[in-house]
């Protein structure tokens, strides 16, 4: 896992938190507007879709971290042997 990968995951985490705070404030503002019928339903549907997207973003960060850890473990403990140390079975 490179430094850039870690910085990316931290930045995405901060963006997700900021996104949740912003959409929560929008939801409070929309509720105070007193929208009727279709406008209220549309606003709530949009907010629910944004929350779903933010949840998927959080899952994406967890998956990126897991892939990074697997790559780190395979890089340290696994991997192919260099060509000069391979044993040839051909004669």
PDB file of N, CA and C in Angstrom:
ATOM      1  N   UNK A   1       0.862  -1.166   0.000  1.00  0.00           N
ATOM      2  CA  UNK A   1       0.000   0.000   0.000  1.00  0.00           C
ATOM      3  C   UNK A   1       0.910   1.231   0.000  1.00  0.00           C
ATOM      4  N   UNK A   2       0.731   2.061  -1.007  1.00  0.00           N
ATOM      5  CA  UNK A   2       1.570   3.241  -1.131  1.00  0.00           C
ATOM      6  C   UNK A   2       0.983   4.408  -0.356  1.00  0.00           C
ATOM      7  N   UNK A   3       1.772   5.436  -0.182  1.00  0.00           N
ATOM      8  CA  UNK A   3       1.348   6.624   0.562  1.00  0.00           C
ATOM      9  C   UNK A   3       0.163   7.290  -0.132  1.00  0.00           C
ATOM     10  N   UNK A   4       0.176   7.310  -1.454  1.00  0.00           N
ATOM     11  CA  UNK A   4      -0.919   7.903  -2.205  1.00  0.00           C
ATOM     12  C   UNK A   4      -2.241   7.203  -1.952  1.00  0.00           C
ATOM     13  N   UNK A   5      -2.198   5.884  -1.801  1.00  0.00           N
ATOM     14  CA  UNK A   5      -3.417   5.122  -1.510  1.00  0.00           C
ATOM     15  C   UNK A   5      -3.982   5.507  -0.147  1.00  0.00           C
ATOM     16  N   UNK A   6      -3.116   5.650   0.821  1.00  0.00           N
ATOM     17  CA  UNK A   6      -3.563   6.016   2.169  1.00  0.00           C
ATOM     18  C   UNK A   6      -4.149   7.425   2.168  1.00  0.00           C
ATOM     19  N   UNK A   7      -3.473   8.347   1.481  1.00  0.00           N
ATOM     20  CA  UNK A   7      -3.983   9.714   1.401  1.00  0.00           C
ATOM     21  C   UNK A   7      -5.349   9.740   0.716  1.00  0.00           C
ATOM     22  N   UNK A   8      -5.513   8.942  -0.324  1.00  0.00           N
ATOM     23  CA  UNK A   8      -6.801   8.868  -1.029  1.00  0.00           C
ATOM     24  C   UNK A   8      -7.908   8.375  -0.114  1.00  0.00           C
ATOM     25  N   UNK A   9      -7.635   7.338   0.666  1.00  0.00           N
ATOM     26  CA  UNK A   9      -8.669   6.808   1.561  1.00  0.00           C
ATOM     27  C   UNK A   9      -9.028   7.810   2.651  1.00  0.00           C
ATOM     28  N   UNK A  10      -8.045   8.504   3.188  1.00  0.00           N
ATOM     29  CA  UNK A  10      -8.323   9.521   4.203  1.00  0.00           C
ATOM     30  C   UNK A  10      -9.137  10.656   3.605  1.00  0.00           C
ATOM     31  N   UNK A  11      -8.770  11.092   2.400  1.00  0.00           N
ATOM     32  CA  UNK A  11      -9.513  12.172   1.737  1.00  0.00           C
ATOM     33  C   UNK A  11     -10.949  11.752   1.451  1.00  0.00           C
ATOM     34  N   UNK A  12     -11.138  10.529   0.996  1.00  0.00           N
ATOM     35  CA  UNK A  12     -12.499  10.049   0.736  1.00  0.00           C
ATOM     36  C   UNK A  12     -13.315   9.988   2.018  1.00  0.00           C
ATOM     37  N   UNK A  13     -12.693   9.583   3.104  1.00  0.00           N
ATOM     38  CA  UNK A  13     -13.393   9.565   4.388  1.00  0.00           C
ATOM     39  C   UNK A  13     -13.839  10.944   4.813  1.00  0.00           C
ATOM     40  N   UNK A  14     -12.959  11.925   4.645  1.00  0.00           N
ATOM     41  CA  UNK A  14     -13.308  13.302   5.002  1.00  0.00           C
ATOM     42  C   UNK A  14     -14.420  13.824   4.108  1.00  0.00           C
ATOM     43  N   UNK A  15     -14.356  13.511   2.823  1.00  0.00           N
ATOM     44  CA  UNK A  15     -15.400  13.944   1.885  1.00  0.00           C
ATOM     45  C   UNK A  15     -16.743  13.325   2.248  1.00  0.00           C
ATOM     46  N   UNK A  16     -16.747  12.053   2.641  1.00  0.00           N
ATOM     47  CA  UNK A  16     -18.001  11.401   3.030  1.00  0.00           C
ATOM     48  C   UNK A  16     -18.614  12.060   4.261  1.00  0.00           C
ATOM     49  N   UNK A  17     -17.785  12.365   5.241  1.00  0.00           N
ATOM     50  CA  UNK A  17     -18.299  13.021   6.455  1.00  0.00           C
ATOM     51  C   UNK A  17     -18.860  14.393   6.111  1.00  0.00           C
ATOM     52  N   UNK A  18     -18.134  15.140   5.289  1.00  0.00           N
ATOM     53  CA  UNK A  18     -18.620  16.459   4.878  1.00  0.00           C
ATOM     54  C   UNK A  18     -19.920  16.337   4.097  1.00  0.00           C
ATOM     55  N   UNK A  19     -20.012  15.340   3.235  1.00  0.00           N
ATOM     56  CA  UNK A  19     -21.240  15.123   2.467  1.00  0.00           C
ATOM     57  C   UNK A  19     -22.435  14.819   3.354  1.00  0.00           C
ATOM     58  N   UNK A  20     -22.224  14.011   4.376  1.00  0.00           N
ATOM     59  CA  UNK A  20     -23.317  13.696   5.304  1.00  0.00           C
ATOM     60  C   UNK A  20     -23.766  14.945   6.046  1.00  0.00           C
ATOM     61  N   UNK A  21     -22.820  15.758   6.487  1.00  0.00           N
ATOM     62  CA  UNK A  21     -23.180  16.993   7.187  1.00  0.00           C
ATOM     63  C   UNK A  21     -23.947  17.954   6.275  1.00  0.00           C
ATOM     64  N   UNK A  22     -23.509  18.077   5.043  1.00  0.00           N
ATOM     65  CA  UNK A  22     -24.178  18.983   4.106  1.00  0.00           C
ATOM     66  C   UNK A  22     -25.586  18.506   3.795  1.00  0.00           C
ATOM     67  N   UNK A  23     -25.753  17.233   3.510  1.00  0.00           N
ATOM     68  CA  UNK A  23     -27.093  16.734   3.158  1.00  0.00           C
ATOM     69  C   UNK A  23     -28.024  16.773   4.370  1.00  0.00           C
ATOM     70  N   UNK A  24     -27.479  16.598   5.567  1.00  0.00           N
ATOM     71  CA  UNK A  24     -28.311  16.710   6.771  1.00  0.00           C
ATOM     72  C   UNK A  24     -28.828  18.136   6.927  1.00  0.00           C
ATOM     73  N   UNK A  25     -27.970  19.117   6.640  1.00  0.00           N
ATOM     74  CA  UNK A  25     -28.409  20.513   6.703  1.00  0.00           C
ATOM     75  C   UNK A  25     -29.431  20.831   5.621  1.00  0.00           C
ATOM     76  N   UNK A  26     -29.236  20.275   4.424  1.00  0.00           N
ATOM     77  CA  UNK A  26     -30.227  20.460   3.367  1.00  0.00           C
ATOM     78  C   UNK A  26     -31.575  19.868   3.775  1.00  0.00           C
ATOM     79  N   UNK A  27     -31.528  18.702   4.405  1.00  0.00           N
ATOM     80  CA  UNK A  27     -32.776  18.058   4.811  1.00  0.00           C
ATOM     81  C   UNK A  27     -33.518  18.921   5.823  1.00  0.00           C
ATOM     82  N   UNK A  28     -32.810  19.521   6.758  1.00  0.00           N
ATOM     83  CA  UNK A  28     -33.448  20.407   7.728  1.00  0.00           C
ATOM     84  C   UNK A  28     -34.033  21.635   7.030  1.00  0.00           C
ATOM     85  N   UNK A  29     -33.308  22.186   6.070  1.00  0.00           N
ATOM     86  CA  UNK A  29     -33.788  23.368   5.353  1.00  0.00           C
ATOM     87  C   UNK A  29     -35.022  23.053   4.518  1.00  0.00           C
ATOM     88  N   UNK A  30     -35.006  21.909   3.859  1.00  0.00           N
ATOM     89  CA  UNK A  30     -36.148  21.525   3.029  1.00  0.00           C
ATOM     90  C   UNK A  30     -37.379  21.287   3.892  1.00  0.00           C
ATOM     91  N   UNK A  31     -37.180  20.695   5.073  1.00  0.00           N
ATOM     92  CA  UNK A  31     -38.313  20.447   5.969  1.00  0.00           C
ATOM     93  C   UNK A  31     -38.948  21.763   6.421  1.00  0.00           C
ATOM     94  N   UNK A  32     -38.144  22.804   6.577  1.00  0.00           N
ATOM     95  CA  UNK A  32     -38.678  24.080   7.043  1.00  0.00           C
ATOM     96  C   UNK A  32     -39.351  24.881   5.926  1.00  0.00           C
ATOM     97  N   UNK A  33     -39.183  24.470   4.671  1.00  0.00           N
ATOM     98  CA  UNK A  33     -39.813  25.184   3.561  1.00  0.00           C
ATOM     99  C   UNK A  33     -41.315  24.938   3.489  1.00  0.00           C
ATOM    100  N   UNK A  34     -41.776  23.848   4.042  1.00  0.00           N
ATOM    101  CA  UNK A  34     -43.202  23.523   4.015  1.00  0.00           C
ATOM    102  C   UNK A  34     -43.682  23.135   2.626  1.00  0.00           C
ATOM    103  N   UNK A  35     -42.903  22.326   1.930  1.00  0.00           N
ATOM    104  CA  UNK A  35     -43.285  21.878   0.595  1.00  0.00           C
ATOM    105  C   UNK A  35     -44.507  20.972   0.672  1.00  0.00           C
ATOM    106  N   UNK A  36     -45.266  20.962  -0.400  1.00  0.00           N
ATOM    107  CA  UNK A  36     -46.481  20.143  -0.413  1.00  0.00           C
ATOM    108  C   UNK A  36     -46.364  19.047  -1.451  1.00  0.00           C
ATOM    109  N   UNK A  37     -47.048  17.974  -1.207  1.00  0.00           N
ATOM    110  CA  UNK A  37     -47.258  16.892  -2.169  1.00  0.00           C
ATOM    111  C   UNK A  37     -46.037  16.383  -2.882  1.00  0.00           C
ATOM    112  N   UNK A  38     -46.059  16.578  -4.199  1.00  0.00           N
ATOM    113  CA  UNK A  38     -45.038  16.006  -5.070  1.00  0.00           C
ATOM    114  C   UNK A  38     -43.652  16.598  -4.772  1.00  0.00           C
ATOM    115  N   UNK A  39     -43.582  17.887  -4.474  1.00  0.00           N
ATOM    116  CA  UNK A  39     -42.290  18.513  -4.187  1.00  0.00           C
ATOM    117  C   UNK A  39     -41.639  17.894  -2.952  1.00  0.00           C
ATOM    118  N   UNK A  40     -42.409  17.648  -1.919  1.00  0.00           N
ATOM    119  CA  UNK A  40     -41.881  17.040  -0.693  1.00  0.00           C
ATOM    120  C   UNK A  40     -41.432  15.611  -0.957  1.00  0.00           C
ATOM    121  N   UNK A  41     -42.222  14.870  -1.702  1.00  0.00           N
ATOM    122  CA  UNK A  41     -41.864  13.482  -2.026  1.00  0.00           C
ATOM    123  C   UNK A  41     -40.588  13.439  -2.858  1.00  0.00           C
ATOM    124  N   UNK A  42     -40.486  14.335  -3.824  1.00  0.00           N
ATOM    125  CA  UNK A  42     -39.296  14.381  -4.676  1.00  0.00           C
ATOM    126  C   UNK A  42     -38.054  14.740  -3.866  1.00  0.00           C
ATOM    127  N   UNK A  43     -38.180  15.709  -2.974  1.00  0.00           N
ATOM    128  CA  UNK A  43     -37.045  16.109  -2.141  1.00  0.00           C
ATOM    129  C   UNK A  43     -36.607  14.963  -1.234  1.00  0.00           C
ATOM    130  N   UNK A  44     -37.540  14.269  -0.643  1.00  0.00           N
ATOM    131  CA  UNK A  44     -37.192  13.147   0.237  1.00  0.00           C
ATOM    132  C   UNK A  44     -36.568  12.003  -0.545  1.00  0.00           C
ATOM    133  N   UNK A  45     -37.063  11.750  -1.751  1.00  0.00           N
ATOM    134  CA  UNK A  45     -36.469  10.704  -2.587  1.00  0.00           C
ATOM    135  C   UNK A  45     -35.033  11.058  -2.952  1.00  0.00           C
ATOM    136  N   UNK A  46     -34.798  12.324  -3.302  1.00  0.00           N
ATOM    137  CA  UNK A  46     -33.435  12.753  -3.640  1.00  0.00           C
ATOM    138  C   UNK A  46     -32.508  12.614  -2.437  1.00  0.00           C
ATOM    139  N   UNK A  47     -32.958  12.997  -1.270  1.00  0.00           N
ATOM    140  CA  UNK A  47     -32.135  12.895  -0.057  1.00  0.00           C
ATOM    141  C   UNK A  47     -31.843  11.433   0.272  1.00  0.00           C
ATOM    142  N   UNK A  48     -32.841  10.573   0.137  1.00  0.00           N
ATOM    143  CA  UNK A  48     -32.623   9.145   0.392  1.00  0.00           C
ATOM    144  C   UNK A  48     -31.602   8.568  -0.587  1.00  0.00           C
ATOM    145  N   UNK A  49     -31.657   9.001  -1.847  1.00  0.00           N
ATOM    146  CA  UNK A  49     -30.688   8.520  -2.838  1.00  0.00           C
ATOM    147  C   UNK A  49     -29.279   9.004  -2.517  1.00  0.00           C
ATOM    148  N   UNK A  50     -29.158  10.222  -2.034  1.00  0.00           N
ATOM    149  CA  UNK A  50     -27.837  10.737  -1.651  1.00  0.00           C
ATOM    150  C   UNK A  50     -27.284   9.941  -0.475  1.00  0.00           C
ATOM    151  N   UNK A  51     -28.117   9.651   0.511  1.00  0.00           N
ATOM    152  CA  UNK A  51     -27.656   8.850   1.652  1.00  0.00           C
ATOM    153  C   UNK A  51     -27.215   7.461   1.198  1.00  0.00           C
ATOM    154  N   UNK A  52     -27.947   6.865   0.257  1.00  0.00           N
ATOM    155  CA  UNK A  52     -27.556   5.553  -0.266  1.00  0.00           C
ATOM    156  C   UNK A  52     -26.197   5.638  -0.957  1.00  0.00           C
ATOM    157  N   UNK A  53     -25.980   6.689  -1.732  1.00  0.00           N
ATOM    158  CA  UNK A  53     -24.688   6.875  -2.385  1.00  0.00           C
ATOM    159  C   UNK A  53     -23.556   7.050  -1.392  1.00  0.00           C
ATOM    160  N   UNK A  54     -23.815   7.789  -0.325  1.00  0.00           N
ATOM    161  CA  UNK A  54     -22.783   7.973   0.698  1.00  0.00           C
ATOM    162  C   UNK A  54     -22.472   6.661   1.422  1.00  0.00           C
ATOM    163  N   UNK A  55     -23.484   5.834   1.626  1.00  0.00           N
ATOM    164  CA  UNK A  55     -23.253   4.533   2.253  1.00  0.00           C
ATOM    165  C   UNK A  55     -22.399   3.649   1.343  1.00  0.00           C
ATOM    166  N   UNK A  56     -22.685   3.680   0.043  1.00  0.00           N
ATOM    167  CA  UNK A  56     -21.874   2.896  -0.893  1.00  0.00           C
ATOM    168  C   UNK A  56     -20.444   3.419  -0.947  1.00  0.00           C
ATOM    169  N   UNK A  57     -20.274   4.727  -0.818  1.00  0.00           N
ATOM    170  CA  UNK A  57     -18.933   5.291  -0.765  1.00  0.00           C
ATOM    171  C   UNK A  57     -18.161   4.797   0.442  1.00  0.00           C
ATOM    172  N   UNK A  58     -18.838   4.686   1.575  1.00  0.00           N
ATOM    173  CA  UNK A  58     -18.183   4.173   2.785  1.00  0.00           C
ATOM    174  C   UNK A  58     -17.778   2.718   2.606  1.00  0.00           C
ATOM    175  N   UNK A  59     -18.636   1.945   1.976  1.00  0.00           N
ATOM    176  CA  UNK A  59     -18.300   0.545   1.706  1.00  0.00           C
ATOM    177  C   UNK A  59     -17.113   0.466   0.755  1.00  0.00           C
ATOM    178  N   UNK A  60     -17.067   1.383  -0.210  1.00  0.00           N
ATOM    179  CA  UNK A  60     -15.943   1.417  -1.144  1.00  0.00           C
ATOM    180  C   UNK A  60     -14.616   1.667  -0.453  1.00  0.00           C
ATOM    181  N   UNK A  61     -14.611   2.542   0.537  1.00  0.00           N
ATOM    182  CA  UNK A  61     -13.375   2.808   1.286  1.00  0.00           C
ATOM    183  C   UNK A  61     -12.932   1.557   2.036  1.00  0.00           C
ATOM    184  N   UNK A  62     -13.884   0.844   2.621  1.00  0.00           N
ATOM    185  CA  UNK A  62     -13.546  -0.391   3.341  1.00  0.00           C
ATOM    186  C   UNK A  62     -12.967  -1.417   2.375  1.00  0.00           C
ATOM    187  N   UNK A  63     -13.549  -1.527   1.192  1.00  0.00           N
ATOM    188  CA  UNK A  63     -13.050  -2.481   0.195  1.00  0.00           C
ATOM    189  C   UNK A  63     -11.653  -2.071  -0.277  1.00  0.00           C
ATOM    190  N   UNK A  64     -11.437  -0.769  -0.503  1.00  0.00           N
ATOM    191  CA  UNK A  64     -10.106  -0.307  -0.902  1.00  0.00           C
ATOM    192  C   UNK A  64      -9.053  -0.618   0.161  1.00  0.00           C
ATOM    193  N   UNK A  65      -9.409  -0.425   1.412  1.00  0.00           N
ATOM    194  CA  UNK A  65      -8.473  -0.727   2.492  1.00  0.00           C
ATOM    195  C   UNK A  65      -8.166  -2.223   2.540  1.00  0.00           C
ATOM    196  N   UNK A  66      -9.180  -3.049   2.360  1.00  0.00           N
ATOM    197  CA  UNK A  66      -8.965  -4.500   2.375  1.00  0.00           C
ATOM    198  C   UNK A  66      -8.069  -4.935   1.216  1.00  0.00           C
ATOM    199  N   UNK A  67      -8.310  -4.404   0.041  1.00  0.00           N
ATOM    200  CA  UNK A  67      -7.480  -4.737  -1.115  1.00  0.00           C
ATOM    201  C   UNK A  67      -6.041  -4.273  -0.890  1.00  0.00           C
ATOM    202  N   UNK A  68      -5.881  -3.091  -0.300  1.00  0.00           N
ATOM    203  CA  UNK A  68      -4.538  -2.598  -0.003  1.00  0.00           C
ATOM    204  C   UNK A  68      -3.805  -3.489   0.974  1.00  0.00           C
ATOM    205  N   UNK A  69      -4.508  -3.960   2.007  1.00  0.00           N
ATOM    206  CA  UNK A  69      -3.875  -4.855   2.977  1.00  0.00           C
ATOM    207  C   UNK A  69      -3.512  -6.188   2.353  1.00  0.00           C
ATOM    208  N   UNK A  70      -4.384  -6.713   1.502  1.00  0.00           N
ATOM    209  CA  UNK A  70      -4.079  -7.982   0.823  1.00  0.00           C
ATOM    210  C   UNK A  70      -2.868  -7.806  -0.083  1.00  0.00           C
ATOM    211  N   UNK A  71      -2.820  -6.692  -0.818  1.00  0.00           N
ATOM    212  CA  UNK A  71      -1.664  -6.440  -1.684  1.00  0.00           C
ATOM    213  C   UNK A  71      -0.389  -6.293  -0.868  1.00  0.00           C
ATOM    214  N   UNK A  72      -0.479  -5.662   0.293  1.00  0.00           N
ATOM    215  CA  UNK A  72       0.683  -5.510   1.159  1.00  0.00           C
ATOM    216  C   UNK A  72       1.178  -6.867   1.651  1.00  0.00           C
ATOM    217  N   UNK A  73       0.264  -7.700   2.107  1.00  0.00           N
ATOM    218  CA  UNK A  73       0.639  -9.026   2.607  1.00  0.00           C
ATOM    219  C   UNK A  73       1.244  -9.870   1.491  1.00  0.00           C
ATOM    220  N   UNK A  74       0.616  -9.839   0.311  1.00  0.00           N
ATOM    221  CA  UNK A  74       1.159 -10.625  -0.800  1.00  0.00           C
ATOM    222  C   UNK A  74       2.512 -10.088  -1.253  1.00  0.00           C
ATOM    223  N   UNK A  75       2.684  -8.789  -1.202  1.00  0.00           N
ATOM    224  CA  UNK A  75       3.962  -8.203  -1.595  1.00  0.00           C
ATOM    225  C   UNK A  75       5.081  -8.544  -0.632  1.00  0.00           C
ATOM    226  N   UNK A  76       4.757  -8.624   0.655  1.00  0.00           N
ATOM    227  CA  UNK A  76       5.784  -8.913   1.658  1.00  0.00           C
ATOM    228  C   UNK A  76       6.071 -10.407   1.746  1.00  0.00           C
ATOM    229  N   UNK A  77       5.028 -11.215   1.812  1.00  0.00           N
ATOM    230  CA  UNK A  77       5.212 -12.645   2.055  1.00  0.00           C
ATOM    231  C   UNK A  77       5.118 -13.520   0.820  1.00  0.00           C
ATOM    232  N   UNK A  78       4.493 -13.042  -0.211  1.00  0.00           N
ATOM    233  CA  UNK A  78       4.264 -13.892  -1.383  1.00  0.00           C
ATOM    234  C   UNK A  78       4.997 -13.374  -2.593  1.00  0.00           C
ATOM    235  N   UNK A  79       4.393 -13.643  -3.714  1.00  0.00           N
ATOM    236  CA  UNK A  79       4.976 -13.161  -4.960  1.00  0.00           C
ATOM    237  C   UNK A  79       5.815 -14.233  -5.622  1.00  0.00           C
ATOM    238  N   UNK A  80       6.127 -13.989  -6.871  1.00  0.00           N
ATOM    239  CA  UNK A  80       6.917 -14.951  -7.635  1.00  0.00           C
ATOM    240  C   UNK A  80       8.394 -14.792  -7.294  1.00  0.00           C
ATOM    241  N   UNK A  81       9.088 -15.880  -7.400  1.00  0.00           N
ATOM    242  CA  UNK A  81      10.527 -15.859  -7.168  1.00  0.00           C
ATOM    243  C   UNK A  81      11.205 -15.203  -8.367  1.00  0.00           C
ATOM    244  N   UNK A  82      12.323 -14.528  -8.158  1.00  0.00           N
ATOM    245  CA  UNK A  82      13.050 -13.948  -9.292  1.00  0.00           C
ATOM    246  C   UNK A  82      13.459 -15.027 -10.284  1.00  0.00           C
ATOM    247  N   UNK A  83      13.623 -14.662 -11.533  1.00  0.00           N
ATOM    248  CA  UNK A  83      13.920 -15.629 -12.593  1.00  0.00           C
ATOM    249  C   UNK A  83      15.216 -16.381 -12.334  1.00  0.00           C
ATOM    250  N   UNK A  84      16.180 -15.764 -11.690  1.00  0.00           N
ATOM    251  CA  UNK A  84      17.470 -16.418 -11.482  1.00  0.00           C
ATOM    252  C   UNK A  84      17.409 -17.518 -10.427  1.00  0.00           C
ATOM    253  N   UNK A  85      16.371 -17.557  -9.587  1.00  0.00           N
ATOM    254  CA  UNK A  85      16.314 -18.577  -8.534  1.00  0.00           C
ATOM    255  C   UNK A  85      15.321 -19.686  -8.873  1.00  0.00           C
ATOM    256  N   UNK A  86      14.651 -19.584  -9.997  1.00  0.00           N
ATOM    257  CA  UNK A  86      13.680 -20.622 -10.361  1.00  0.00           C
ATOM    258  C   UNK A  86      14.414 -21.874 -10.798  1.00  0.00           C
ATOM    259  N   UNK A  87      13.824 -22.994 -10.476  1.00  0.00           N
ATOM    260  CA  UNK A  87      14.400 -24.264 -10.839  1.00  0.00           C
ATOM    261  C   UNK A  87      13.725 -24.738 -12.124  1.00  0.00           C
ATOM    262  N   UNK A  88      14.525 -25.023 -13.141  1.00  0.00           N
ATOM    263  CA  UNK A  88      13.972 -25.467 -14.400  1.00  0.00           C
ATOM    264  C   UNK A  88      13.857 -26.989 -14.392  1.00  0.00           C
ATOM    265  N   UNK A  89      12.757 -27.506 -14.888  1.00  0.00           N
ATOM    266  CA  UNK A  89      12.558 -28.955 -14.942  1.00  0.00           C
ATOM    267  C   UNK A  89      12.919 -29.486 -16.331  1.00  0.00           C
ATOM    268  N   UNK A  90      13.221 -28.614 -17.252  1.00  0.00           N
ATOM    269  CA  UNK A  90      13.606 -29.048 -18.599  1.00  0.00           C
ATOM    270  C   UNK A  90      15.097 -29.342 -18.646  1.00  0.00           C
ATOM    271  N   UNK A  91      15.434 -30.245 -19.536  1.00  0.00           N
ATOM    272  CA  UNK A  91      16.863 -30.575 -19.702  1.00  0.00           C
ATOM    273  C   UNK A  91      17.297 -30.354 -21.094  1.00  0.00           C
TER     274      UNK A  91
END
